[in-house]
Amino acid sequence: MNSHTRQIILQEDEVLIRTRGYAAFSYADLAGRIGVTKASIHYYFPAKEDLVLQLTEDYVTRFRAALAGILARHATAGARLRAYAQLFLAGFEQGMLPYCGALSAERSALPIAMHGPIQAFFQLHLDWLGGVLDDGRAAGELATRAAPGHLALLLLSTLEGGTFVGWAMERKAMVLAAFESVLAGIETQQPHIQAASGSGPAPA
């Protein structure tokens, strides 16, 4: 047993959750895809609940790093928001739904211990978006009378919903369509062409 095997288990677990759903696969499925025994998976994660809790913790750590990277690379609110939206598009292009969106759709099937982490993850989205929107309005880059928290919820909802609709319709353009419409209505200047790029491959 080694840390590489553990990491492969977590990576494949993420793919299965974001393509099939939490309840739609077993340790036998996971073992078959990786080429290890079920005992190997149980060695690191005695129960499926342990596996998804660890994956969520690791995922949130990566996501926080992605958000910090966006703030470091992009100076304006519009560029930051578009880079954030690209995280959703990156996941879609890999054939995967947003991680916590996929989990929340199965809330009734999840261990109760997962409810808090999922709520905290969505709150991380909302807090980050609210901060970017607040800064953008203070800098004169965004013009809106809506409270940053309400607008943050609208933007997150358009991306989560757009991803699910795009997934069902098999149309990539739907993922960001509503998001861009909202953003176009609040920006005070035309965004640069590069604004939507440079966000990196990390999914939302």
N, C-alpha and C. Protein backbone atom coordinates (compact mmCIF):
# COMPACT_ATOMS: atom_id res chain seq x y z
N MET A 1 0.84 -1.19 0.00
CA MET A 1 0.00 0.00 0.00
C MET A 1 0.88 1.25 0.00
N ASN A 2 0.49 2.25 -0.76
CA ASN A 2 1.27 3.48 -0.78
C ASN A 2 0.36 4.66 -1.05
N SER A 3 0.94 5.89 -0.90
CA SER A 3 0.15 7.10 -1.06
C SER A 3 -0.33 7.29 -2.49
N HIS A 4 0.41 6.73 -3.45
CA HIS A 4 -0.02 6.84 -4.85
C HIS A 4 -1.34 6.11 -5.07
N THR A 5 -1.45 4.92 -4.50
CA THR A 5 -2.70 4.16 -4.61
C THR A 5 -3.84 4.95 -3.98
N ARG A 6 -3.60 5.52 -2.83
CA ARG A 6 -4.62 6.31 -2.15
C ARG A 6 -5.08 7.47 -3.02
N GLN A 7 -4.14 8.14 -3.68
CA GLN A 7 -4.49 9.28 -4.52
C GLN A 7 -5.28 8.84 -5.75
N ILE A 8 -4.91 7.72 -6.32
CA ILE A 8 -5.65 7.19 -7.48
C ILE A 8 -7.08 6.85 -7.09
N ILE A 9 -7.26 6.29 -5.89
CA ILE A 9 -8.60 5.97 -5.40
C ILE A 9 -9.44 7.24 -5.31
N LEU A 10 -8.87 8.29 -4.75
CA LEU A 10 -9.59 9.56 -4.60
C LEU A 10 -9.91 10.16 -5.97
N GLN A 11 -8.98 10.12 -6.88
CA GLN A 11 -9.21 10.68 -8.21
C GLN A 11 -10.33 9.96 -8.94
N GLU A 12 -10.31 8.64 -8.88
CA GLU A 12 -11.35 7.87 -9.57
C GLU A 12 -12.70 8.03 -8.88
N ASP A 13 -12.68 8.18 -7.57
CA ASP A 13 -13.92 8.43 -6.84
C ASP A 13 -14.56 9.74 -7.30
N GLU A 14 -13.75 10.75 -7.49
CA GLU A 14 -14.28 12.04 -7.97
C GLU A 14 -14.94 11.89 -9.34
N VAL A 15 -14.28 11.17 -10.23
CA VAL A 15 -14.84 10.96 -11.57
C VAL A 15 -16.19 10.25 -11.49
N LEU A 16 -16.28 9.23 -10.66
CA LEU A 16 -17.52 8.47 -10.55
C LEU A 16 -18.64 9.32 -9.95
N ILE A 17 -18.32 10.09 -8.93
CA ILE A 17 -19.34 10.95 -8.32
C ILE A 17 -19.84 11.98 -9.32
N ARG A 18 -18.95 12.54 -10.12
CA ARG A 18 -19.32 13.62 -11.03
C ARG A 18 -19.86 13.13 -12.38
N THR A 19 -19.85 11.83 -12.59
CA THR A 19 -20.41 11.29 -13.83
C THR A 19 -21.59 10.35 -13.56
N ARG A 20 -21.47 9.52 -12.53
CA ARG A 20 -22.55 8.58 -12.21
C ARG A 20 -23.41 9.04 -11.03
N GLY A 21 -22.76 9.64 -10.03
CA GLY A 21 -23.46 9.99 -8.80
C GLY A 21 -22.99 9.11 -7.65
N TYR A 22 -23.11 9.62 -6.45
CA TYR A 22 -22.62 8.94 -5.24
C TYR A 22 -23.24 7.55 -5.07
N ALA A 23 -24.55 7.46 -5.26
CA ALA A 23 -25.25 6.20 -4.98
C ALA A 23 -25.13 5.18 -6.09
N ALA A 24 -24.57 5.56 -7.22
CA ALA A 24 -24.60 4.69 -8.40
C ALA A 24 -23.35 3.84 -8.58
N PHE A 25 -22.43 3.86 -7.61
CA PHE A 25 -21.27 3.00 -7.73
C PHE A 25 -20.90 2.41 -6.37
N SER A 26 -20.21 1.29 -6.42
CA SER A 26 -19.80 0.58 -5.21
C SER A 26 -18.28 0.50 -5.15
N TYR A 27 -17.77 -0.03 -4.05
CA TYR A 27 -16.33 -0.25 -3.96
C TYR A 27 -15.88 -1.27 -5.01
N ALA A 28 -16.74 -2.19 -5.37
CA ALA A 28 -16.41 -3.17 -6.41
C ALA A 28 -16.21 -2.46 -7.76
N ASP A 29 -17.09 -1.50 -8.05
CA ASP A 29 -16.95 -0.73 -9.29
C ASP A 29 -15.64 0.06 -9.27
N LEU A 30 -15.38 0.71 -8.15
CA LEU A 30 -14.18 1.51 -8.01
C LEU A 30 -12.92 0.66 -8.14
N ALA A 31 -12.92 -0.50 -7.49
CA ALA A 31 -11.77 -1.40 -7.55
C ALA A 31 -11.52 -1.89 -8.98
N GLY A 32 -12.61 -2.21 -9.69
CA GLY A 32 -12.48 -2.68 -11.06
C GLY A 32 -11.90 -1.64 -12.00
N ARG A 33 -12.27 -0.39 -11.79
CA ARG A 33 -11.78 0.68 -12.67
C ARG A 33 -10.30 0.98 -12.40
N ILE A 34 -9.89 0.84 -11.15
CA ILE A 34 -8.51 1.17 -10.80
C ILE A 34 -7.58 -0.02 -10.99
N GLY A 35 -8.13 -1.23 -10.86
CA GLY A 35 -7.30 -2.42 -10.97
C GLY A 35 -6.69 -2.83 -9.65
N VAL A 36 -7.43 -2.61 -8.55
CA VAL A 36 -6.99 -3.04 -7.23
C VAL A 36 -8.10 -3.87 -6.61
N THR A 37 -7.84 -4.44 -5.45
CA THR A 37 -8.87 -5.21 -4.75
C THR A 37 -9.72 -4.28 -3.89
N LYS A 38 -10.92 -4.74 -3.55
CA LYS A 38 -11.75 -3.96 -2.62
C LYS A 38 -11.05 -3.79 -1.28
N ALA A 39 -10.29 -4.79 -0.88
CA ALA A 39 -9.56 -4.72 0.38
C ALA A 39 -8.57 -3.56 0.38
N SER A 40 -8.00 -3.27 -0.79
CA SER A 40 -7.06 -2.15 -0.90
C SER A 40 -7.77 -0.83 -0.63
N ILE A 41 -8.98 -0.70 -1.12
CA ILE A 41 -9.74 0.53 -0.90
C ILE A 41 -10.15 0.63 0.57
N HIS A 42 -10.61 -0.48 1.13
CA HIS A 42 -11.01 -0.48 2.54
C HIS A 42 -9.83 -0.18 3.47
N TYR A 43 -8.63 -0.51 3.03
CA TYR A 43 -7.45 -0.24 3.84
C TYR A 43 -7.32 1.26 4.10
N TYR A 44 -7.56 2.06 3.07
CA TYR A 44 -7.45 3.51 3.20
C TYR A 44 -8.76 4.14 3.68
N PHE A 45 -9.88 3.61 3.20
CA PHE A 45 -11.19 4.20 3.49
C PHE A 45 -12.14 3.07 3.89
N PRO A 46 -12.24 2.79 5.19
CA PRO A 46 -13.06 1.66 5.66
C PRO A 46 -14.50 1.69 5.15
N ALA A 47 -15.07 2.89 5.01
CA ALA A 47 -16.45 3.01 4.53
C ALA A 47 -16.52 4.07 3.43
N LYS A 48 -17.55 3.97 2.62
CA LYS A 48 -17.73 4.93 1.53
C LYS A 48 -17.85 6.35 2.07
N GLU A 49 -18.44 6.49 3.23
CA GLU A 49 -18.55 7.80 3.87
C GLU A 49 -17.17 8.40 4.13
N ASP A 50 -16.23 7.58 4.58
CA ASP A 50 -14.87 8.05 4.82
C ASP A 50 -14.23 8.54 3.53
N LEU A 51 -14.49 7.83 2.46
CA LEU A 51 -13.91 8.17 1.17
C LEU A 51 -14.44 9.52 0.67
N VAL A 52 -15.74 9.71 0.70
CA VAL A 52 -16.31 10.94 0.15
C VAL A 52 -15.99 12.14 1.05
N LEU A 53 -15.88 11.93 2.36
CA LEU A 53 -15.50 13.01 3.24
C LEU A 53 -14.08 13.47 2.96
N GLN A 54 -13.17 12.52 2.77
CA GLN A 54 -11.78 12.88 2.47
C GLN A 54 -11.68 13.56 1.11
N LEU A 55 -12.40 13.03 0.13
CA LEU A 55 -12.37 13.62 -1.19
C LEU A 55 -12.88 15.06 -1.14
N THR A 56 -13.94 15.29 -0.40
CA THR A 56 -14.50 16.64 -0.30
C THR A 56 -13.50 17.59 0.36
N GLU A 57 -12.84 17.13 1.39
CA GLU A 57 -11.83 17.96 2.05
C GLU A 57 -10.71 18.33 1.08
N ASP A 58 -10.22 17.33 0.33
CA ASP A 58 -9.16 17.59 -0.63
C ASP A 58 -9.64 18.51 -1.75
N TYR A 59 -10.87 18.28 -2.19
CA TYR A 59 -11.43 19.07 -3.28
C TYR A 59 -11.55 20.53 -2.89
N VAL A 60 -12.03 20.80 -1.68
CA VAL A 60 -12.18 22.17 -1.21
C VAL A 60 -10.82 22.85 -1.11
N THR A 61 -9.80 22.13 -0.69
CA THR A 61 -8.45 22.69 -0.63
C THR A 61 -7.98 23.12 -2.01
N ARG A 62 -8.20 22.26 -3.00
CA ARG A 62 -7.82 22.60 -4.38
C ARG A 62 -8.63 23.78 -4.90
N PHE A 63 -9.90 23.81 -4.54
CA PHE A 63 -10.76 24.89 -5.02
C PHE A 63 -10.36 26.23 -4.42
N ARG A 64 -10.02 26.23 -3.14
CA ARG A 64 -9.54 27.47 -2.51
C ARG A 64 -8.28 27.98 -3.22
N ALA A 65 -7.40 27.07 -3.59
CA ALA A 65 -6.19 27.45 -4.30
C ALA A 65 -6.52 28.03 -5.67
N ALA A 66 -7.52 27.45 -6.33
CA ALA A 66 -7.94 27.96 -7.64
C ALA A 66 -8.50 29.37 -7.52
N LEU A 67 -9.30 29.62 -6.49
CA LEU A 67 -9.86 30.96 -6.27
C LEU A 67 -8.76 31.98 -5.96
N ALA A 68 -7.80 31.57 -5.15
CA ALA A 68 -6.68 32.46 -4.83
C ALA A 68 -5.89 32.78 -6.09
N GLY A 69 -5.73 31.79 -6.95
CA GLY A 69 -5.02 32.01 -8.20
C GLY A 69 -5.74 32.99 -9.11
N ILE A 70 -7.05 32.92 -9.14
CA ILE A 70 -7.83 33.86 -9.95
C ILE A 70 -7.62 35.28 -9.46
N LEU A 71 -7.65 35.48 -8.14
CA LEU A 71 -7.45 36.82 -7.59
C LEU A 71 -6.06 37.34 -7.91
N ALA A 72 -5.08 36.45 -7.92
CA ALA A 72 -3.70 36.86 -8.18
C ALA A 72 -3.46 37.19 -9.65
N ARG A 73 -4.14 36.49 -10.55
CA ARG A 73 -3.88 36.65 -11.98
C ARG A 73 -4.73 37.73 -12.64
N HIS A 74 -5.89 38.04 -12.07
CA HIS A 74 -6.82 38.95 -12.71
C HIS A 74 -7.10 40.16 -11.83
N ALA A 75 -7.08 41.34 -12.43
CA ALA A 75 -7.19 42.57 -11.65
C ALA A 75 -8.61 43.11 -11.54
N THR A 76 -9.46 42.84 -12.52
CA THR A 76 -10.80 43.42 -12.52
C THR A 76 -11.86 42.40 -12.13
N ALA A 77 -12.99 42.91 -11.68
CA ALA A 77 -14.08 42.02 -11.27
C ALA A 77 -14.59 41.18 -12.44
N GLY A 78 -14.74 41.79 -13.60
CA GLY A 78 -15.24 41.05 -14.75
C GLY A 78 -14.32 39.91 -15.13
N ALA A 79 -13.01 40.17 -15.13
CA ALA A 79 -12.04 39.13 -15.48
C ALA A 79 -12.05 38.02 -14.43
N ARG A 80 -12.16 38.40 -13.18
CA ARG A 80 -12.18 37.40 -12.11
C ARG A 80 -13.43 36.52 -12.19
N LEU A 81 -14.56 37.13 -12.45
CA LEU A 81 -15.80 36.37 -12.54
C LEU A 81 -15.80 35.44 -13.74
N ARG A 82 -15.26 35.89 -14.84
CA ARG A 82 -15.20 35.03 -16.03
C ARG A 82 -14.21 33.89 -15.83
N ALA A 83 -13.11 34.16 -15.15
CA ALA A 83 -12.17 33.08 -14.84
C ALA A 83 -12.82 32.05 -13.92
N TYR A 84 -13.59 32.51 -12.97
CA TYR A 84 -14.34 31.62 -12.08
C TYR A 84 -15.32 30.76 -12.89
N ALA A 85 -16.01 31.38 -13.82
CA ALA A 85 -16.97 30.64 -14.64
C ALA A 85 -16.29 29.57 -15.47
N GLN A 86 -15.04 29.82 -15.87
CA GLN A 86 -14.31 28.84 -16.66
C GLN A 86 -14.07 27.55 -15.88
N LEU A 87 -14.07 27.62 -14.55
CA LEU A 87 -13.91 26.41 -13.76
C LEU A 87 -15.08 25.45 -14.01
N PHE A 88 -16.27 25.99 -14.19
CA PHE A 88 -17.44 25.17 -14.48
C PHE A 88 -17.34 24.59 -15.89
N LEU A 89 -16.89 25.43 -16.82
CA LEU A 89 -16.78 24.97 -18.20
C LEU A 89 -15.72 23.88 -18.33
N ALA A 90 -14.62 24.02 -17.58
CA ALA A 90 -13.56 23.01 -17.63
C ALA A 90 -14.09 21.65 -17.20
N GLY A 91 -14.88 21.62 -16.13
CA GLY A 91 -15.47 20.36 -15.70
C GLY A 91 -16.41 19.78 -16.74
N PHE A 92 -17.22 20.65 -17.34
CA PHE A 92 -18.16 20.21 -18.37
C PHE A 92 -17.42 19.59 -19.55
N GLU A 93 -16.34 20.21 -19.95
CA GLU A 93 -15.56 19.72 -21.10
C GLU A 93 -14.90 18.38 -20.80
N GLN A 94 -14.73 18.08 -19.52
CA GLN A 94 -14.19 16.77 -19.13
C GLN A 94 -15.31 15.75 -18.91
N GLY A 95 -16.55 16.17 -19.21
CA GLY A 95 -17.68 15.26 -19.06
C GLY A 95 -18.15 15.08 -17.64
N MET A 96 -17.87 16.09 -16.78
CA MET A 96 -18.22 15.98 -15.37
C MET A 96 -19.08 17.14 -14.91
N LEU A 97 -20.03 16.83 -14.02
CA LEU A 97 -20.86 17.85 -13.40
C LEU A 97 -20.08 18.54 -12.28
N PRO A 98 -20.51 19.74 -11.84
CA PRO A 98 -19.87 20.37 -10.69
C PRO A 98 -19.92 19.42 -9.49
N TYR A 99 -18.84 19.35 -8.74
CA TYR A 99 -18.71 18.36 -7.67
C TYR A 99 -19.84 18.44 -6.64
N CYS A 100 -19.99 19.59 -6.02
CA CYS A 100 -21.01 19.68 -4.98
C CYS A 100 -22.42 19.78 -5.55
N GLY A 101 -22.53 20.21 -6.79
CA GLY A 101 -23.84 20.17 -7.44
C GLY A 101 -24.30 18.72 -7.61
N ALA A 102 -23.36 17.87 -8.03
CA ALA A 102 -23.68 16.45 -8.20
C ALA A 102 -24.04 15.81 -6.86
N LEU A 103 -23.31 16.16 -5.80
CA LEU A 103 -23.60 15.59 -4.48
C LEU A 103 -24.93 16.11 -3.93
N SER A 104 -25.17 17.40 -4.07
CA SER A 104 -26.39 17.96 -3.50
C SER A 104 -27.64 17.41 -4.17
N ALA A 105 -27.52 17.01 -5.43
CA ALA A 105 -28.65 16.42 -6.13
C ALA A 105 -29.05 15.07 -5.52
N GLU A 106 -28.12 14.46 -4.77
CA GLU A 106 -28.38 13.18 -4.12
C GLU A 106 -28.40 13.32 -2.59
N ARG A 107 -28.78 14.45 -2.10
CA ARG A 107 -28.68 14.72 -0.67
C ARG A 107 -29.34 13.65 0.18
N SER A 108 -30.47 13.14 -0.26
CA SER A 108 -31.19 12.13 0.54
C SER A 108 -30.42 10.81 0.63
N ALA A 109 -29.52 10.58 -0.32
CA ALA A 109 -28.77 9.32 -0.32
C ALA A 109 -27.42 9.46 0.38
N LEU A 110 -27.04 10.68 0.72
CA LEU A 110 -25.72 10.91 1.32
C LEU A 110 -25.74 10.67 2.82
N PRO A 111 -24.58 10.31 3.38
CA PRO A 111 -24.47 10.25 4.84
C PRO A 111 -24.74 11.63 5.43
N ILE A 112 -25.36 11.69 6.59
CA ILE A 112 -25.66 12.97 7.22
C ILE A 112 -24.39 13.79 7.43
N ALA A 113 -23.28 13.11 7.65
CA ALA A 113 -22.00 13.80 7.87
C ALA A 113 -21.58 14.63 6.67
N MET A 114 -22.16 14.35 5.50
CA MET A 114 -21.79 15.10 4.29
C MET A 114 -22.59 16.39 4.13
N HIS A 115 -23.70 16.53 4.82
CA HIS A 115 -24.55 17.69 4.62
C HIS A 115 -23.83 18.99 4.96
N GLY A 116 -23.14 19.01 6.08
CA GLY A 116 -22.42 20.21 6.50
C GLY A 116 -21.32 20.61 5.52
N PRO A 117 -20.44 19.69 5.11
CA PRO A 117 -19.40 20.04 4.15
C PRO A 117 -19.94 20.57 2.82
N ILE A 118 -21.06 20.02 2.36
CA ILE A 118 -21.63 20.51 1.10
C ILE A 118 -22.13 21.94 1.27
N GLN A 119 -22.81 22.20 2.39
CA GLN A 119 -23.28 23.57 2.64
C GLN A 119 -22.10 24.54 2.75
N ALA A 120 -21.04 24.10 3.42
CA ALA A 120 -19.87 24.95 3.58
C ALA A 120 -19.20 25.23 2.24
N PHE A 121 -19.22 24.25 1.35
CA PHE A 121 -18.61 24.45 0.04
C PHE A 121 -19.39 25.48 -0.78
N PHE A 122 -20.70 25.38 -0.75
CA PHE A 122 -21.51 26.37 -1.47
C PHE A 122 -21.32 27.76 -0.84
N GLN A 123 -21.20 27.81 0.48
CA GLN A 123 -20.98 29.10 1.13
C GLN A 123 -19.64 29.70 0.72
N LEU A 124 -18.65 28.86 0.51
CA LEU A 124 -17.35 29.33 0.01
C LEU A 124 -17.52 30.02 -1.34
N HIS A 125 -18.28 29.40 -2.23
CA HIS A 125 -18.59 30.03 -3.53
C HIS A 125 -19.22 31.40 -3.32
N LEU A 126 -20.26 31.43 -2.51
CA LEU A 126 -21.04 32.66 -2.33
C LEU A 126 -20.21 33.77 -1.68
N ASP A 127 -19.40 33.41 -0.69
CA ASP A 127 -18.58 34.42 -0.02
C ASP A 127 -17.55 35.00 -0.99
N TRP A 128 -16.93 34.13 -1.77
CA TRP A 128 -15.91 34.61 -2.72
C TRP A 128 -16.55 35.50 -3.78
N LEU A 129 -17.65 35.05 -4.33
CA LEU A 129 -18.35 35.86 -5.33
C LEU A 129 -18.79 37.19 -4.75
N GLY A 130 -19.34 37.18 -3.54
CA GLY A 130 -19.78 38.41 -2.91
C GLY A 130 -18.63 39.39 -2.73
N GLY A 131 -17.46 38.89 -2.36
CA GLY A 131 -16.30 39.75 -2.20
C GLY A 131 -15.85 40.37 -3.50
N VAL A 132 -15.83 39.57 -4.58
CA VAL A 132 -15.44 40.08 -5.89
C VAL A 132 -16.44 41.13 -6.38
N LEU A 133 -17.71 40.85 -6.18
CA LEU A 133 -18.75 41.79 -6.61
C LEU A 133 -18.68 43.09 -5.81
N ASP A 134 -18.45 42.98 -4.53
CA ASP A 134 -18.35 44.16 -3.68
C ASP A 134 -17.15 45.02 -4.10
N ASP A 135 -16.02 44.38 -4.34
CA ASP A 135 -14.83 45.12 -4.77
C ASP A 135 -15.04 45.75 -6.15
N GLY A 136 -15.70 45.02 -7.03
CA GLY A 136 -15.95 45.54 -8.38
C GLY A 136 -16.86 46.74 -8.37
N ARG A 137 -17.85 46.72 -7.51
CA ARG A 137 -18.75 47.86 -7.40
C ARG A 137 -18.02 49.06 -6.80
N ALA A 138 -17.18 48.82 -5.79
CA ALA A 138 -16.42 49.91 -5.17
C ALA A 138 -15.45 50.54 -6.15
N ALA A 139 -14.92 49.74 -7.08
CA ALA A 139 -13.97 50.23 -8.07
C ALA A 139 -14.65 50.86 -9.28
N GLY A 140 -15.98 50.82 -9.32
CA GLY A 140 -16.71 51.39 -10.44
C GLY A 140 -16.76 50.49 -11.66
N GLU A 141 -16.37 49.24 -11.50
CA GLU A 141 -16.37 48.30 -12.62
C GLU A 141 -17.73 47.63 -12.82
N LEU A 142 -18.53 47.61 -11.77
CA LEU A 142 -19.85 46.99 -11.82
C LEU A 142 -20.88 47.99 -11.33
N ALA A 143 -22.03 48.00 -11.98
CA ALA A 143 -23.12 48.89 -11.59
C ALA A 143 -24.36 48.04 -11.34
N THR A 144 -24.71 47.91 -10.08
CA THR A 144 -25.90 47.12 -9.73
C THR A 144 -26.45 47.60 -8.41
N ARG A 145 -27.76 47.57 -8.28
CA ARG A 145 -28.40 47.96 -7.02
C ARG A 145 -28.66 46.74 -6.15
N ALA A 146 -28.43 45.57 -6.70
CA ALA A 146 -28.65 44.35 -5.93
C ALA A 146 -27.56 44.17 -4.89
N ALA A 147 -27.90 43.60 -3.75
CA ALA A 147 -26.91 43.30 -2.72
C ALA A 147 -25.93 42.26 -3.26
N PRO A 148 -24.64 42.40 -2.94
CA PRO A 148 -23.64 41.45 -3.43
C PRO A 148 -24.01 39.99 -3.13
N GLY A 149 -24.57 39.75 -1.94
CA GLY A 149 -24.95 38.38 -1.59
C GLY A 149 -26.03 37.82 -2.50
N HIS A 150 -27.01 38.66 -2.86
CA HIS A 150 -28.08 38.21 -3.75
C HIS A 150 -27.56 37.98 -5.16
N LEU A 151 -26.68 38.87 -5.60
CA LEU A 151 -26.14 38.73 -6.94
C LEU A 151 -25.19 37.53 -7.02
N ALA A 152 -24.47 37.28 -5.94
CA ALA A 152 -23.60 36.11 -5.89
C ALA A 152 -24.41 34.83 -6.05
N LEU A 153 -25.56 34.77 -5.38
CA LEU A 153 -26.44 33.61 -5.49
C LEU A 153 -26.96 33.46 -6.92
N LEU A 154 -27.28 34.57 -7.55
CA LEU A 154 -27.76 34.52 -8.93
C LEU A 154 -26.68 33.98 -9.86
N LEU A 155 -25.45 34.47 -9.72
CA LEU A 155 -24.37 34.02 -10.59
C LEU A 155 -24.05 32.54 -10.37
N LEU A 156 -23.99 32.14 -9.11
CA LEU A 156 -23.73 30.73 -8.83
C LEU A 156 -24.84 29.85 -9.39
N SER A 157 -26.07 30.29 -9.23
CA SER A 157 -27.21 29.51 -9.72
C SER A 157 -27.19 29.38 -11.24
N THR A 158 -26.80 30.45 -11.94
CA THR A 158 -26.77 30.37 -13.41
C THR A 158 -25.69 29.39 -13.87
N LEU A 159 -24.59 29.31 -13.14
CA LEU A 159 -23.51 28.39 -13.53
C LEU A 159 -23.84 26.95 -13.18
N GLU A 160 -24.35 26.73 -11.98
CA GLU A 160 -24.75 25.37 -11.60
C GLU A 160 -25.87 24.88 -12.52
N GLY A 161 -26.88 25.73 -12.69
CA GLY A 161 -28.01 25.34 -13.55
C GLY A 161 -27.60 25.20 -15.00
N GLY A 162 -26.77 26.13 -15.48
CA GLY A 162 -26.33 26.07 -16.87
C GLY A 162 -25.55 24.80 -17.16
N THR A 163 -24.76 24.35 -16.17
CA THR A 163 -24.01 23.12 -16.37
C THR A 163 -24.94 21.92 -16.48
N PHE A 164 -25.95 21.86 -15.64
CA PHE A 164 -26.89 20.73 -15.69
C PHE A 164 -27.71 20.76 -16.98
N VAL A 165 -28.14 21.95 -17.40
CA VAL A 165 -28.92 22.05 -18.64
C VAL A 165 -28.02 21.72 -19.83
N GLY A 166 -26.81 22.25 -19.84
CA GLY A 166 -25.88 21.93 -20.92
C GLY A 166 -25.57 20.45 -20.99
N TRP A 167 -25.45 19.82 -19.82
CA TRP A 167 -25.22 18.37 -19.75
C TRP A 167 -26.38 17.61 -20.38
N ALA A 168 -27.60 17.99 -20.01
CA ALA A 168 -28.78 17.30 -20.53
C ALA A 168 -28.98 17.52 -22.02
N MET A 169 -28.72 18.74 -22.48
CA MET A 169 -28.94 19.10 -23.87
C MET A 169 -27.73 18.82 -24.76
N GLU A 170 -26.60 18.47 -24.11
CA GLU A 170 -25.34 18.22 -24.83
C GLU A 170 -24.94 19.44 -25.65
N ARG A 171 -25.06 20.61 -24.99
CA ARG A 171 -24.73 21.86 -25.67
C ARG A 171 -23.83 22.70 -24.77
N LYS A 172 -22.58 22.80 -25.13
CA LYS A 172 -21.58 23.53 -24.36
C LYS A 172 -21.95 25.00 -24.17
N ALA A 173 -22.54 25.61 -25.17
CA ALA A 173 -22.85 27.04 -25.12
C ALA A 173 -23.81 27.38 -23.99
N MET A 174 -24.60 26.41 -23.55
CA MET A 174 -25.58 26.67 -22.51
C MET A 174 -24.96 26.84 -21.13
N VAL A 175 -23.74 26.35 -20.95
CA VAL A 175 -23.12 26.37 -19.62
C VAL A 175 -22.94 27.80 -19.12
N LEU A 176 -22.46 28.69 -19.98
CA LEU A 176 -22.15 30.06 -19.56
C LEU A 176 -23.14 31.10 -20.08
N ALA A 177 -24.14 30.68 -20.83
CA ALA A 177 -25.04 31.64 -21.49
C ALA A 177 -25.73 32.58 -20.50
N ALA A 178 -26.40 32.04 -19.50
CA ALA A 178 -27.13 32.88 -18.55
C ALA A 178 -26.17 33.71 -17.70
N PHE A 179 -25.05 33.11 -17.33
CA PHE A 179 -24.03 33.83 -16.56
C PHE A 179 -23.55 35.06 -17.31
N GLU A 180 -23.25 34.91 -18.59
CA GLU A 180 -22.77 36.05 -19.39
C GLU A 180 -23.84 37.12 -19.53
N SER A 181 -25.09 36.71 -19.61
CA SER A 181 -26.17 37.69 -19.71
C SER A 181 -26.26 38.53 -18.45
N VAL A 182 -26.14 37.88 -17.29
CA VAL A 182 -26.18 38.62 -16.02
C VAL A 182 -24.98 39.56 -15.93
N LEU A 183 -23.82 39.06 -16.26
CA LEU A 183 -22.60 39.87 -16.14
C LEU A 183 -22.63 41.05 -17.10
N ALA A 184 -23.12 40.83 -18.30
CA ALA A 184 -23.20 41.92 -19.28
C ALA A 184 -24.11 43.04 -18.80
N GLY A 185 -25.08 42.69 -17.99
CA GLY A 185 -26.02 43.70 -17.50
C GLY A 185 -25.50 44.54 -16.35
N ILE A 186 -24.39 44.12 -15.74
CA ILE A 186 -23.88 44.88 -14.60
C ILE A 186 -22.49 45.48 -14.84
N GLU A 187 -21.82 45.08 -15.91
CA GLU A 187 -20.49 45.64 -16.18
C GLU A 187 -20.61 47.06 -16.71
N THR A 188 -19.70 47.92 -16.29
CA THR A 188 -19.72 49.31 -16.74
C THR A 188 -18.79 49.54 -17.92
N GLN A 189 -18.01 48.53 -18.30
CA GLN A 189 -17.12 48.66 -19.45
C GLN A 189 -17.03 47.33 -20.17
N GLN A 190 -16.62 47.39 -21.44
CA GLN A 190 -16.52 46.19 -22.26
C GLN A 190 -15.35 45.34 -21.76
N PRO A 191 -15.57 44.04 -21.52
CA PRO A 191 -14.47 43.20 -21.05
C PRO A 191 -13.42 42.97 -22.12
N HIS A 192 -12.18 42.73 -21.70
CA HIS A 192 -11.13 42.38 -22.64
C HIS A 192 -11.34 40.96 -23.15
N ILE A 193 -10.80 40.68 -24.34
CA ILE A 193 -10.94 39.35 -24.93
C ILE A 193 -10.36 38.27 -24.02
N GLN A 194 -9.24 38.59 -23.35
CA GLN A 194 -8.56 37.60 -22.56
C GLN A 194 -9.24 37.32 -21.23
N ALA A 195 -10.26 38.06 -20.89
CA ALA A 195 -10.83 37.99 -19.54
C ALA A 195 -11.29 36.59 -19.16
N ALA A 196 -11.73 35.80 -20.13
CA ALA A 196 -12.28 34.48 -19.80
C ALA A 196 -11.22 33.41 -19.76
N SER A 197 -9.96 33.74 -20.03
CA SER A 197 -8.92 32.71 -20.10
C SER A 197 -8.01 32.81 -18.90
N GLY A 198 -7.13 31.81 -18.78
CA GLY A 198 -6.10 31.83 -17.76
C GLY A 198 -6.55 31.37 -16.40
N SER A 199 -7.70 30.73 -16.30
CA SER A 199 -8.21 30.32 -15.01
C SER A 199 -7.67 28.97 -14.57
N GLY A 200 -7.04 28.23 -15.51
CA GLY A 200 -6.52 26.92 -15.16
C GLY A 200 -7.59 25.85 -15.33
N PRO A 201 -7.19 24.59 -15.24
CA PRO A 201 -8.08 23.48 -15.54
C PRO A 201 -8.92 23.00 -14.38
N ALA A 202 -8.74 23.58 -13.18
CA ALA A 202 -9.46 23.05 -12.02
C ALA A 202 -10.96 23.21 -12.19
N PRO A 203 -11.71 22.13 -11.97
CA PRO A 203 -13.17 22.21 -12.11
C PRO A 203 -13.82 22.82 -10.89
N ALA A 204 -15.07 23.23 -11.05
CA ALA A 204 -15.79 23.81 -9.92
C ALA A 204 -16.48 22.74 -9.10
